[in-house]
């Protein structure tokens, strides 16, 4: 739908664990700039292409793609887009470019080694995980951006916000005249995966504070409906993240716990223990250890 003049929000309803992301398309003098391009794979690409065509946009019309972060549901289709339109300019954060050009590096960010350490009988490869839901692809950045840079998109100018937590090179985009904020995965239907290498709890909370210091009327998430009560939603996400930490501290105040003892304090569903549970719990424990509130002796964690 055309949300503002020449500003299209292509909404994708989230139904599964990993679904292709919603997309923003903005008309400029040379065609369109897109923020993200959705997931790879025939079904996801068809969905994205149909949404573009419904709003009168063809892949050949797209001159620039801004990638919020290198996760498959946001940029998995980039190789397909480039194959049809080689002149597309790709923009992402300078920290993100290495993962865009070499997807295998994502296993480090997703802490696949941590899964093997805590679950020796299991293995986790994020590329195999994506392949089942939303295939990924690689591309070279034509332009990289950092905090405070601006990106001109036709009638609109976006300020780049570096917002780690879910991914080290995640960016959000703020349009001050519209008082509108594109947040990628950081805000939406649910709190996304995070771990220490993606920015951790500390990075996530700092990114939320960055949002709260802006003048916002509208949040545009990658997953979920448009958000017209931004500060309430941001406060609730912050509360939920801090609540996880409180549950860990409460458990440790009663007795020392192992890593496996603590997983059920955050996740009732055992299917989530390996992913995203391992990374999220580790991130909270790393924060508490860095603050001197928790210490580890062997396999057990103690409240200081």
Protein backbone atom coordinates (compact mmCIF):
# COMPACT_ATOMS: atom_id res chain seq x y z
CA UNK A 1 0.00 0.00 0.00
CA UNK A 2 1.06 3.59 -0.57
CA UNK A 3 1.47 4.76 3.01
CA UNK A 4 2.67 8.26 2.12
CA UNK A 5 3.17 9.96 -1.24
CA UNK A 6 5.55 7.73 -3.24
CA UNK A 7 6.21 5.69 -0.07
CA UNK A 8 4.96 2.10 -0.23
CA UNK A 9 4.78 -0.37 2.67
CA UNK A 10 4.55 -3.93 1.33
CA UNK A 11 3.20 -5.88 4.28
CA UNK A 12 3.85 -9.60 4.69
CA UNK A 13 1.79 -11.42 7.30
CA UNK A 14 3.99 -13.49 9.61
CA UNK A 15 2.69 -17.05 9.91
CA UNK A 16 5.68 -19.29 10.69
CA UNK A 17 8.98 -19.33 12.56
CA UNK A 18 10.84 -17.63 9.71
CA UNK A 19 8.82 -15.69 7.13
CA UNK A 20 9.97 -13.30 4.46
CA UNK A 21 10.10 -9.71 5.73
CA UNK A 22 7.88 -6.79 4.80
CA UNK A 23 9.46 -4.30 2.40
CA UNK A 24 9.47 -0.54 1.92
CA UNK A 25 9.64 0.81 -1.63
CA UNK A 26 10.09 4.54 -2.29
CA UNK A 27 9.84 6.22 -5.67
CA UNK A 28 12.76 8.45 -6.60
CA UNK A 29 13.73 10.22 -9.86
CA UNK A 30 15.41 7.05 -11.19
CA UNK A 31 12.79 4.49 -10.19
CA UNK A 32 12.52 2.95 -6.73
CA UNK A 33 14.64 2.40 -3.66
CA UNK A 34 13.73 -0.68 -1.62
CA UNK A 35 14.49 -1.29 2.03
CA UNK A 36 15.09 -5.06 2.14
CA UNK A 37 13.99 -7.48 -0.58
CA UNK A 38 12.59 -10.46 1.31
CA UNK A 39 13.67 -14.07 1.48
CA UNK A 40 15.06 -16.35 -1.14
CA UNK A 41 13.43 -19.45 -2.53
CA UNK A 42 10.75 -19.70 -5.19
CA UNK A 43 7.78 -19.17 -2.87
CA UNK A 44 9.23 -16.15 -1.06
CA UNK A 45 10.44 -14.51 -4.26
CA UNK A 46 7.01 -14.94 -5.85
CA UNK A 47 5.37 -13.38 -2.80
CA UNK A 48 7.71 -10.38 -2.93
CA UNK A 49 7.36 -9.98 -6.69
CA UNK A 50 3.56 -10.13 -6.45
CA UNK A 51 3.54 -7.47 -3.72
CA UNK A 52 5.74 -5.19 -5.81
CA UNK A 53 3.59 -5.67 -8.90
CA UNK A 54 0.41 -4.98 -6.93
CA UNK A 55 1.83 -1.52 -6.26
CA UNK A 56 2.96 -1.11 -9.86
CA UNK A 57 6.64 -1.84 -9.22
CA UNK A 58 8.83 -4.13 -11.32
CA UNK A 59 12.26 -5.38 -10.30
CA UNK A 60 13.62 -3.53 -13.34
CA UNK A 61 12.36 -0.29 -11.72
CA UNK A 62 14.52 -0.77 -8.62
CA UNK A 63 17.79 1.16 -8.61
CA UNK A 64 18.85 0.77 -4.97
CA UNK A 65 18.37 -1.79 -2.21
CA UNK A 66 19.10 -0.86 1.41
CA UNK A 67 19.63 -3.97 3.53
CA UNK A 68 18.73 -3.69 7.19
CA UNK A 69 20.87 -6.72 8.07
CA UNK A 70 22.12 -9.97 6.57
CA UNK A 71 19.42 -12.38 7.68
CA UNK A 72 17.82 -14.51 5.01
CA UNK A 73 14.25 -13.27 5.40
CA UNK A 74 15.40 -9.71 4.65
CA UNK A 75 17.93 -10.18 1.85
CA UNK A 76 17.77 -13.80 0.72
CA UNK A 77 16.37 -12.69 -2.63
CA UNK A 78 19.16 -10.24 -3.38
CA UNK A 79 21.00 -12.54 -5.80
CA UNK A 80 17.75 -13.06 -7.73
CA UNK A 81 17.14 -9.31 -7.90
CA UNK A 82 20.70 -8.69 -9.10
CA UNK A 83 20.42 -11.42 -11.74
CA UNK A 84 17.41 -9.64 -13.23
CA UNK A 85 18.74 -6.14 -12.70
CA UNK A 86 22.57 -6.07 -12.42
CA UNK A 87 22.61 -2.27 -12.00
CA UNK A 88 20.96 -2.36 -8.56
CA UNK A 89 23.09 -0.53 -5.99
CA UNK A 90 23.31 -2.37 -2.65
CA UNK A 91 23.67 -0.40 0.56
CA UNK A 92 24.27 -1.81 4.03
CA UNK A 93 26.14 -1.05 7.23
CA UNK A 94 29.93 -1.30 7.12
CA UNK A 95 29.83 -3.99 9.84
CA UNK A 96 27.30 -6.00 7.85
CA UNK A 97 29.09 -6.10 4.50
CA UNK A 98 31.29 -9.07 5.44
CA UNK A 99 28.25 -11.26 6.16
CA UNK A 100 26.49 -10.17 2.99
CA UNK A 101 29.45 -11.18 0.83
CA UNK A 102 30.21 -14.38 2.77
CA UNK A 103 27.15 -15.94 4.39
CA UNK A 104 29.25 -18.64 6.10
CA UNK A 105 30.45 -15.98 8.54
CA UNK A 106 26.93 -15.93 10.01
CA UNK A 107 27.64 -19.17 11.87
CA UNK A 108 30.08 -17.21 14.04
CA UNK A 109 27.47 -14.54 14.74
CA UNK A 110 24.79 -17.12 15.49
CA UNK A 111 27.25 -18.79 17.89
CA UNK A 112 26.96 -22.24 16.35
CA UNK A 113 29.99 -23.26 18.41
CA UNK A 114 28.09 -22.41 21.60
CA UNK A 115 25.34 -24.86 20.67
CA UNK A 116 27.90 -27.64 20.22
CA UNK A 117 29.45 -26.80 23.58
CA UNK A 118 26.20 -26.99 25.54
CA UNK A 119 24.56 -29.68 23.41
CA UNK A 120 27.41 -31.97 22.24
CA UNK A 121 24.95 -34.34 20.57
CA UNK A 122 23.51 -31.50 18.48
CA UNK A 123 24.78 -29.26 15.73
CA UNK A 124 23.43 -25.98 14.41
CA UNK A 125 24.28 -24.52 11.01
CA UNK A 126 22.39 -21.32 10.31
CA UNK A 127 22.65 -21.75 6.54
CA UNK A 128 21.01 -25.17 6.77
CA UNK A 129 18.41 -23.68 9.10
CA UNK A 130 17.65 -20.91 6.61
CA UNK A 131 17.55 -23.33 3.68
CA UNK A 132 14.54 -25.07 5.23
CA UNK A 133 12.55 -21.87 5.65
CA UNK A 134 13.98 -19.01 3.67
CA UNK A 135 17.13 -19.53 1.54
CA UNK A 136 19.87 -16.93 1.73
CA UNK A 137 22.18 -15.50 -0.97
CA UNK A 138 25.32 -13.41 -1.25
CA UNK A 139 26.17 -10.06 -2.83
CA UNK A 140 28.77 -7.31 -2.67
CA UNK A 141 27.93 -3.96 -1.11
CA UNK A 142 28.24 -0.96 -3.39
CA UNK A 143 27.97 1.51 -0.52
CA UNK A 144 28.35 1.07 3.22
CA UNK A 145 26.91 3.39 5.83
CA UNK A 146 27.48 4.13 9.50
CA UNK A 147 25.66 5.84 12.34
CA UNK A 148 24.57 9.36 11.40
CA UNK A 149 24.84 8.96 7.62
CA UNK A 150 21.85 10.00 5.54
CA UNK A 151 20.29 8.27 2.55
CA UNK A 152 18.22 10.28 0.06
CA UNK A 153 15.17 8.44 -1.26
CA UNK A 154 13.15 10.70 -3.53
CA UNK A 155 11.05 12.99 -1.34
CA UNK A 156 12.48 11.50 1.85
CA UNK A 157 15.78 11.53 3.70
CA UNK A 158 16.61 8.76 6.14
CA UNK A 159 19.10 9.04 8.97
CA UNK A 160 21.01 5.81 9.58
CA UNK A 161 20.93 4.44 13.11
CA UNK A 162 23.28 1.61 13.98
CA UNK A 163 21.13 -0.65 16.16
CA UNK A 164 22.92 -3.88 17.15
CA UNK A 165 21.39 -6.49 19.41
CA UNK A 166 19.76 -8.80 16.90
CA UNK A 167 22.70 -8.54 14.50
CA UNK A 168 25.98 -6.60 14.82
CA UNK A 169 25.45 -4.63 11.61
CA UNK A 170 21.70 -4.05 11.95
CA UNK A 171 20.51 -0.60 10.88
CA UNK A 172 17.31 1.32 11.46
CA UNK A 173 16.21 4.31 9.38
CA UNK A 174 14.60 7.48 10.71
CA UNK A 175 12.67 10.01 8.61
CA UNK A 176 12.35 13.10 10.81
CA UNK A 177 9.76 14.96 8.72
CA UNK A 178 7.43 11.96 8.81
CA UNK A 179 8.48 11.15 12.39
CA UNK A 180 8.63 7.59 11.06
CA UNK A 181 11.12 4.91 12.07
CA UNK A 182 11.94 1.70 10.19
CA UNK A 183 13.25 -0.77 12.78
CA UNK A 184 13.89 -3.99 10.85
CA UNK A 185 13.62 -6.86 13.32
CA UNK A 186 14.31 -4.91 16.50
CA UNK A 187 10.63 -4.17 17.18
CA UNK A 188 7.58 -6.02 15.94
CA UNK A 189 5.47 -9.07 16.65
CA UNK A 190 8.00 -10.58 19.04
CA UNK A 191 11.39 -9.99 20.61
CA UNK A 192 13.88 -11.37 18.08
CA UNK A 193 16.88 -13.59 18.65
CA UNK A 194 19.94 -11.97 20.22
CA UNK A 195 23.24 -13.19 21.60
CA UNK A 196 26.55 -11.72 22.73
CA UNK A 197 28.10 -11.64 19.26
CA UNK A 198 25.07 -9.95 17.70
CA UNK A 199 25.29 -7.06 20.15
CA UNK A 200 23.93 -8.80 23.20
CA UNK A 201 21.48 -7.64 25.81
CA UNK A 202 23.52 -4.48 26.33
CA UNK A 203 23.44 -3.58 22.63
CA UNK A 204 19.75 -4.33 22.36
CA UNK A 205 18.84 -2.12 25.35
CA UNK A 206 21.02 0.73 24.06
CA UNK A 207 19.33 0.49 20.66
CA UNK A 208 15.91 0.70 22.31
CA UNK A 209 17.06 3.79 24.24
CA UNK A 210 18.21 5.32 20.96
CA UNK A 211 14.68 4.85 19.59
CA UNK A 212 13.10 6.32 22.71
CA UNK A 213 15.12 9.52 22.31
CA UNK A 214 13.62 10.18 18.87
CA UNK A 215 10.38 11.96 18.06
CA UNK A 216 8.31 9.11 16.61
CA UNK A 217 4.70 8.86 15.52
CA UNK A 218 5.05 5.64 13.55
CA UNK A 219 7.21 2.51 13.68
CA UNK A 220 7.51 0.39 10.55
CA UNK A 221 8.57 -3.14 11.53
CA UNK A 222 9.77 -5.91 9.26
CA UNK A 223 7.35 -8.34 10.89
CA UNK A 224 3.94 -7.28 12.11
CA UNK A 225 1.52 -4.42 11.71
CA UNK A 226 2.43 -0.74 11.67
CA UNK A 227 2.90 0.61 15.20
CA UNK A 228 1.17 3.88 16.10
CA UNK A 229 1.89 3.76 19.86
CA UNK A 230 5.68 3.58 19.61
CA UNK A 231 6.71 4.54 23.12
CA UNK A 232 4.35 2.08 24.77
CA UNK A 233 5.66 -0.72 22.57
CA UNK A 234 9.30 0.20 23.15
CA UNK A 235 8.78 0.31 26.91
CA UNK A 236 7.09 -3.09 26.84
CA UNK A 237 9.94 -4.69 24.89
CA UNK A 238 12.46 -3.24 27.34
CA UNK A 239 10.38 -4.56 30.25
CA UNK A 240 10.27 -8.07 28.76
CA UNK A 241 14.03 -8.19 28.18
CA UNK A 242 14.76 -6.99 31.73
CA UNK A 243 12.21 -9.53 33.01
CA UNK A 244 14.33 -12.33 31.53
CA UNK A 245 17.31 -11.11 33.51
CA UNK A 246 15.22 -10.92 36.68
CA UNK A 247 14.08 -14.52 36.24
CA UNK A 248 17.70 -15.68 35.93
CA UNK A 249 18.71 -13.74 39.04
CA UNK A 250 15.70 -15.08 40.95
CA UNK A 251 16.62 -18.66 40.08
CA UNK A 252 20.24 -18.15 41.12
CA UNK A 253 19.19 -16.48 44.39
CA UNK A 254 17.70 -19.81 45.48
CA UNK A 255 20.51 -22.13 44.45
CA UNK A 256 23.44 -22.31 42.02
CA UNK A 257 22.33 -23.52 38.60
CA UNK A 258 23.89 -25.04 35.52
CA UNK A 259 23.28 -23.62 32.08
CA UNK A 260 20.73 -26.37 31.40
CA UNK A 261 19.00 -25.65 34.73
CA UNK A 262 18.52 -22.03 33.68
CA UNK A 263 17.11 -22.59 30.18
CA UNK A 264 13.56 -23.40 31.45
CA UNK A 265 13.50 -20.09 33.34
CA UNK A 266 13.42 -18.33 29.96
CA UNK A 267 11.75 -20.87 27.66
CA UNK A 268 8.93 -23.28 28.43
CA UNK A 269 9.19 -24.94 25.03
CA UNK A 270 12.19 -27.29 24.97
CA UNK A 271 12.31 -27.00 21.18
CA UNK A 272 13.65 -23.46 21.73
CA UNK A 273 16.48 -24.48 24.06
CA UNK A 274 19.05 -25.00 21.29
CA UNK A 275 17.95 -22.06 19.14
CA UNK A 276 17.38 -19.32 20.08
CA UNK A 277 17.63 -20.28 23.75
CA UNK A 278 21.36 -21.00 23.95
CA UNK A 279 22.37 -17.64 22.52
CA UNK A 280 19.85 -15.58 24.49
CA UNK A 281 20.65 -17.18 27.86
CA UNK A 282 24.39 -16.91 27.22
CA UNK A 283 24.00 -13.23 26.43
CA UNK A 284 22.24 -12.53 29.72
CA UNK A 285 24.80 -14.55 31.68
CA UNK A 286 27.64 -12.70 29.95
CA UNK A 287 26.06 -9.38 30.94
CA UNK A 288 25.59 -10.45 34.55
CA UNK A 289 29.17 -11.73 34.74
CA UNK A 290 30.53 -8.51 33.23
CA UNK A 291 28.61 -6.54 35.87
CA UNK A 292 30.03 -8.71 38.65
CA UNK A 293 26.59 -9.96 39.67
CA UNK A 294 27.15 -13.59 38.68
CA UNK A 295 30.21 -15.81 38.75
CA UNK A 296 30.81 -19.17 37.14
CA UNK A 297 32.59 -22.08 38.78
CA UNK A 298 32.85 -25.14 36.59
CA UNK A 299 29.42 -25.94 35.21
CA UNK A 300 27.50 -23.85 37.77
CA UNK A 301 26.56 -20.18 38.02
CA UNK A 302 26.40 -18.42 41.39
CA UNK A 303 24.81 -15.14 42.39
CA UNK A 304 27.45 -12.79 43.83
